[in-house]
Amino acid sequence: MEKKIVLFGKEDCGLCQGWKKKLENFNIPFSYLDINDADNLTEFTMIGFTKIPALVIGEKKFEGIKPSDLSIDEIKKMTEA
């Protein structure tokens, strides 16, 4: 079973949109949670995040990360069971 990817961001965040495009272009399944929504913001802060874009890949957490900071191969390795 593949590990879940969650992307926290905002529509007006260029890096967040870059992450969405990168994951979509490589057909990597993910959930996008806009932190303008109160429930998503609560989850974002409960995880301990303070900066967007923020990614949860399985057990690993990344925040303020650029799309170029992680390769598709690295992402795929993290999602493998």
N, C-alpha and C. Protein backbone atom coordinates (compact mmCIF):
# COMPACT_ATOMS: atom_id res chain seq x y z
N MET A 1 0.84 -1.20 0.00
CA MET A 1 0.00 0.00 0.00
C MET A 1 0.87 1.25 0.00
N GLU A 2 0.50 2.21 -0.81
CA GLU A 2 1.27 3.44 -0.89
C GLU A 2 0.94 4.37 0.27
N LYS A 3 1.95 5.09 0.71
CA LYS A 3 1.74 6.08 1.76
C LYS A 3 1.11 7.32 1.17
N LYS A 4 0.29 7.95 1.94
CA LYS A 4 -0.48 9.11 1.49
C LYS A 4 0.39 10.38 1.44
N ILE A 5 0.10 11.22 0.46
CA ILE A 5 0.75 12.53 0.35
C ILE A 5 -0.32 13.59 0.58
N VAL A 6 -0.02 14.52 1.48
CA VAL A 6 -0.91 15.65 1.73
C VAL A 6 -0.10 16.93 1.50
N LEU A 7 -0.65 17.82 0.70
CA LEU A 7 -0.05 19.12 0.43
C LEU A 7 -0.92 20.20 1.05
N PHE A 8 -0.34 20.98 1.95
CA PHE A 8 -1.02 22.14 2.52
C PHE A 8 -0.53 23.37 1.80
N GLY A 9 -1.46 24.26 1.43
CA GLY A 9 -1.06 25.48 0.75
C GLY A 9 -2.21 26.46 0.64
N LYS A 10 -2.01 27.45 -0.23
CA LYS A 10 -3.02 28.46 -0.54
C LYS A 10 -3.03 28.66 -2.05
N GLU A 11 -4.17 29.09 -2.56
CA GLU A 11 -4.29 29.30 -4.01
C GLU A 11 -3.37 30.42 -4.50
N ASP A 12 -3.08 31.40 -3.66
CA ASP A 12 -2.23 32.52 -4.10
C ASP A 12 -0.75 32.31 -3.79
N CYS A 13 -0.36 31.09 -3.47
CA CYS A 13 1.04 30.74 -3.18
C CYS A 13 1.64 30.08 -4.41
N GLY A 14 2.58 30.74 -5.03
CA GLY A 14 3.20 30.22 -6.25
C GLY A 14 3.89 28.88 -6.04
N LEU A 15 4.60 28.72 -4.93
CA LEU A 15 5.27 27.45 -4.66
C LEU A 15 4.26 26.32 -4.44
N CYS A 16 3.17 26.65 -3.77
CA CYS A 16 2.11 25.66 -3.54
C CYS A 16 1.54 25.18 -4.87
N GLN A 17 1.29 26.12 -5.77
CA GLN A 17 0.76 25.78 -7.08
C GLN A 17 1.79 24.98 -7.88
N GLY A 18 3.06 25.32 -7.68
CA GLY A 18 4.13 24.56 -8.34
C GLY A 18 4.14 23.10 -7.88
N TRP A 19 3.93 22.88 -6.59
CA TRP A 19 3.85 21.51 -6.07
C TRP A 19 2.65 20.78 -6.66
N LYS A 20 1.51 21.45 -6.72
CA LYS A 20 0.31 20.81 -7.30
C LYS A 20 0.59 20.36 -8.73
N LYS A 21 1.18 21.25 -9.52
CA LYS A 21 1.47 20.94 -10.92
C LYS A 21 2.47 19.79 -11.03
N LYS A 22 3.51 19.81 -10.19
CA LYS A 22 4.53 18.76 -10.24
C LYS A 22 3.91 17.40 -9.94
N LEU A 23 3.13 17.31 -8.87
CA LEU A 23 2.52 16.03 -8.50
C LEU A 23 1.52 15.57 -9.55
N GLU A 24 0.73 16.51 -10.07
CA GLU A 24 -0.26 16.17 -11.11
C GLU A 24 0.43 15.71 -12.40
N ASN A 25 1.49 16.41 -12.80
CA ASN A 25 2.20 16.08 -14.04
C ASN A 25 2.80 14.68 -14.01
N PHE A 26 3.19 14.21 -12.81
CA PHE A 26 3.78 12.88 -12.69
C PHE A 26 2.77 11.85 -12.18
N ASN A 27 1.48 12.22 -12.19
CA ASN A 27 0.39 11.32 -11.79
C ASN A 27 0.61 10.72 -10.40
N ILE A 28 1.08 11.56 -9.48
CA ILE A 28 1.27 11.12 -8.10
C ILE A 28 0.04 11.54 -7.30
N PRO A 29 -0.69 10.56 -6.74
CA PRO A 29 -1.90 10.90 -6.00
C PRO A 29 -1.57 11.68 -4.72
N PHE A 30 -2.36 12.72 -4.47
CA PHE A 30 -2.16 13.52 -3.27
C PHE A 30 -3.46 14.22 -2.91
N SER A 31 -3.51 14.65 -1.66
CA SER A 31 -4.63 15.48 -1.20
C SER A 31 -4.12 16.90 -1.04
N TYR A 32 -4.90 17.86 -1.50
CA TYR A 32 -4.55 19.27 -1.35
C TYR A 32 -5.49 19.91 -0.33
N LEU A 33 -4.90 20.51 0.69
CA LEU A 33 -5.69 21.16 1.72
C LEU A 33 -5.32 22.65 1.77
N ASP A 34 -6.27 23.49 1.40
CA ASP A 34 -6.07 24.94 1.41
C ASP A 34 -6.23 25.44 2.85
N ILE A 35 -5.19 26.11 3.35
CA ILE A 35 -5.23 26.54 4.76
C ILE A 35 -6.10 27.78 4.98
N ASN A 36 -6.72 28.30 3.91
CA ASN A 36 -7.73 29.34 4.10
C ASN A 36 -9.00 28.75 4.71
N ASP A 37 -9.14 27.43 4.62
CA ASP A 37 -10.25 26.72 5.25
C ASP A 37 -9.88 26.46 6.71
N ALA A 38 -10.76 26.81 7.63
CA ALA A 38 -10.47 26.72 9.07
C ALA A 38 -10.09 25.31 9.51
N ASP A 39 -10.80 24.30 9.01
CA ASP A 39 -10.48 22.92 9.41
C ASP A 39 -9.09 22.51 8.92
N ASN A 40 -8.76 22.90 7.71
CA ASN A 40 -7.43 22.59 7.17
C ASN A 40 -6.34 23.33 7.93
N LEU A 41 -6.61 24.58 8.30
CA LEU A 41 -5.64 25.36 9.07
C LEU A 41 -5.42 24.72 10.43
N THR A 42 -6.48 24.22 11.04
CA THR A 42 -6.35 23.55 12.34
C THR A 42 -5.44 22.32 12.20
N GLU A 43 -5.69 21.51 11.18
CA GLU A 43 -4.86 20.32 10.96
C GLU A 43 -3.41 20.71 10.71
N PHE A 44 -3.20 21.74 9.90
CA PHE A 44 -1.87 22.28 9.58
C PHE A 44 -1.11 22.65 10.85
N THR A 45 -1.77 23.38 11.74
CA THR A 45 -1.09 23.83 12.97
C THR A 45 -0.92 22.69 13.97
N MET A 46 -1.86 21.75 13.99
CA MET A 46 -1.73 20.60 14.91
C MET A 46 -0.55 19.72 14.54
N ILE A 47 -0.23 19.65 13.26
CA ILE A 47 0.95 18.89 12.82
C ILE A 47 2.22 19.61 13.26
N GLY A 48 2.12 20.92 13.46
CA GLY A 48 3.27 21.71 13.88
C GLY A 48 3.85 22.56 12.77
N PHE A 49 3.16 22.63 11.64
CA PHE A 49 3.63 23.44 10.53
C PHE A 49 3.43 24.93 10.81
N THR A 50 4.33 25.74 10.26
CA THR A 50 4.18 27.20 10.33
C THR A 50 4.36 27.86 8.97
N LYS A 51 4.91 27.12 7.97
CA LYS A 51 5.17 27.70 6.65
C LYS A 51 4.58 26.82 5.56
N ILE A 52 4.10 27.48 4.49
CA ILE A 52 3.64 26.76 3.31
C ILE A 52 4.64 26.99 2.18
N PRO A 53 4.68 26.12 1.19
CA PRO A 53 3.96 24.87 1.12
C PRO A 53 4.48 23.88 2.15
N ALA A 54 3.57 23.04 2.63
CA ALA A 54 3.92 21.99 3.58
C ALA A 54 3.44 20.66 3.02
N LEU A 55 4.30 19.67 3.13
CA LEU A 55 4.00 18.34 2.59
C LEU A 55 4.13 17.30 3.68
N VAL A 56 3.21 16.37 3.68
CA VAL A 56 3.33 15.18 4.50
C VAL A 56 3.38 14.01 3.52
N ILE A 57 4.48 13.27 3.59
CA ILE A 57 4.64 12.09 2.73
C ILE A 57 4.89 10.91 3.67
N GLY A 58 3.87 10.12 3.88
CA GLY A 58 3.98 9.03 4.84
C GLY A 58 4.23 9.60 6.23
N GLU A 59 5.37 9.25 6.81
CA GLU A 59 5.73 9.74 8.15
C GLU A 59 6.60 11.00 8.08
N LYS A 60 7.05 11.38 6.90
CA LYS A 60 7.95 12.53 6.75
C LYS A 60 7.17 13.81 6.55
N LYS A 61 7.73 14.89 7.11
CA LYS A 61 7.08 16.20 7.02
C LYS A 61 8.08 17.22 6.50
N PHE A 62 7.59 18.07 5.59
CA PHE A 62 8.42 19.12 4.99
C PHE A 62 7.61 20.40 4.98
N GLU A 63 8.28 21.53 5.29
CA GLU A 63 7.56 22.81 5.18
C GLU A 63 8.46 23.85 4.57
N GLY A 64 7.81 24.81 3.88
CA GLY A 64 8.55 25.86 3.19
C GLY A 64 9.46 25.29 2.11
N ILE A 65 9.05 24.17 1.53
CA ILE A 65 9.89 23.44 0.58
C ILE A 65 9.52 23.80 -0.87
N LYS A 66 10.55 23.98 -1.68
CA LYS A 66 10.33 24.30 -3.10
C LYS A 66 10.11 23.00 -3.87
N PRO A 67 9.35 23.05 -4.96
CA PRO A 67 9.17 21.84 -5.78
C PRO A 67 10.49 21.25 -6.26
N SER A 68 11.50 22.08 -6.45
CA SER A 68 12.79 21.57 -6.93
C SER A 68 13.62 20.92 -5.82
N ASP A 69 13.18 21.03 -4.56
CA ASP A 69 13.95 20.46 -3.44
C ASP A 69 13.83 18.95 -3.32
N LEU A 70 12.78 18.37 -3.89
CA LEU A 70 12.59 16.92 -3.86
C LEU A 70 12.35 16.42 -5.27
N SER A 71 13.09 15.38 -5.65
CA SER A 71 12.87 14.81 -6.99
C SER A 71 11.67 13.86 -6.96
N ILE A 72 11.13 13.59 -8.13
CA ILE A 72 10.02 12.65 -8.23
C ILE A 72 10.47 11.28 -7.72
N ASP A 73 11.71 10.87 -8.02
CA ASP A 73 12.22 9.59 -7.53
C ASP A 73 12.25 9.56 -6.00
N GLU A 74 12.69 10.66 -5.36
CA GLU A 74 12.71 10.72 -3.90
C GLU A 74 11.29 10.60 -3.33
N ILE A 75 10.35 11.29 -3.97
CA ILE A 75 8.95 11.26 -3.53
C ILE A 75 8.40 9.84 -3.66
N LYS A 76 8.66 9.19 -4.80
CA LYS A 76 8.17 7.84 -5.02
C LYS A 76 8.75 6.87 -3.99
N LYS A 77 10.04 7.02 -3.66
CA LYS A 77 10.66 6.15 -2.66
C LYS A 77 9.99 6.30 -1.30
N MET A 78 9.64 7.54 -0.95
CA MET A 78 8.99 7.79 0.35
C MET A 78 7.58 7.23 0.40
N THR A 79 6.92 7.10 -0.76
CA THR A 79 5.54 6.63 -0.75
C THR A 79 5.44 5.11 -0.86
N GLU A 80 6.55 4.44 -1.15
CA GLU A 80 6.51 2.99 -1.25
C GLU A 80 6.41 2.36 0.13
N ALA A 81 5.65 1.29 0.20
CA ALA A 81 5.45 0.61 1.49
C ALA A 81 6.68 -0.19 1.88
